[in-house]
Each structure stands twice: as C-alpha cells, then as structure tokens.
Amino acid sequence: MTNKELTIKNAAELGIDLSAFHAPDHHWRNYYIEDLEQNLLFLVPSYPKYGVIILDLSLAKYASFTTKDGAIHRLKDYTWGISSNSRRTNYPKTTVTDRSIKSGRKTVLLNSVLLDHNKEIDPEGRYAITHLNGNTYDNRLCNLAWGNLKENNTKKHSNKIPAFKYPFKIWW
C-alpha cells in the first residue's frame, strides 16, 4: 500500500475530508497545502488523527540534511509520518537510508533536522529540542528551541509564539 493510499484509508476511517489538500506529487510526498500568505506548509501525516505538520514554507522547500554516510537528503523527498501512537510523544519523523550504520536505515525526527543538530549544548553532548507552545506538530522555527533533557521535561509552554490560522477545516 502506498503512502497516498494509506493516508486516504486512515483519513476515511477517521471521517477526515482531504479535498482541501493537494495530493502527493513532485513537490511533496504527503498531502499538503502551501499557504503563501502566511509562508506556511501544512503536511498531512500518514495517520492524521491528531493534526497536521506545520512548517515554515521557505525553509521546508530548500531544507536538507546529511547522514553519516555523507548522503544529502531533502525534506521534500520523504514521506513524513508520526513517531508514536501516544498523543504526548507524537513527533513528525521519516526513515532514511544511511549506509554508515548496520541496519542501513535511520529514523530522523523533523525538529532535529530543522535545527542545527551539530551545535553543542552541554559538555556531555546531550541535547533536546523544545516546542515552545507544546505542540509537537508545530515545527516553525519560532516554536523550536535548544535545551537539555531536564529543561525540556520541566519547561512551561509559552503562549508568546506568533499565531497562525489553518486554511482548511480542522478535524482534531
């Protein structure tokens, strides 16, 4: 079953209308809306129960990341899904080929791709990415910040993140 078929099936089971979204094509591998007015990209994950992935459009179009084997990957070349079935730990993710590891496949979290993951945060090299408004689907740069694991688990969510409006009917 392709990602497109899986998304249609899951959306139908949940009673979600995808007619406002563009079908996967050469631009993105997920159902999507490019909102030029707000400079936002809305991607529908393959299991859309809890919402859509939100990105800065100008960043998402050109963002890329490198795996340890030296291969360069573009965000738009991958299907983005959700990392867990638990509402508290849902993070947008994808799986990429990485020949430097034994399995040859690596799971990549979207928020870590968008921030500079080579930046050292503390002496032990641990890092955590905090979603300032608490919404793990909201991956706009203004909503992402570096911290350590302790800060990430104890941080109160901020309401000072710029608001946006959804250009479609919300189902969650």
Foldseek 3Di string as FASTA:
>chain_A
DALQVLQVVLCVVLVHDLVVWDDQDPQAPFTWDQDPVVQKIWGQASNNPPHTAIERNVCLRAFWDAAPQGDIGHNRVFHWHWDDPDPQRTFIWTKDADPVDDVRIDIDTPLCSSDPLVDADDPVRAKDKAQQQSDNSYNYVLRIDIDHPVCRVPPDHDPPRDDDDDPDDDDD
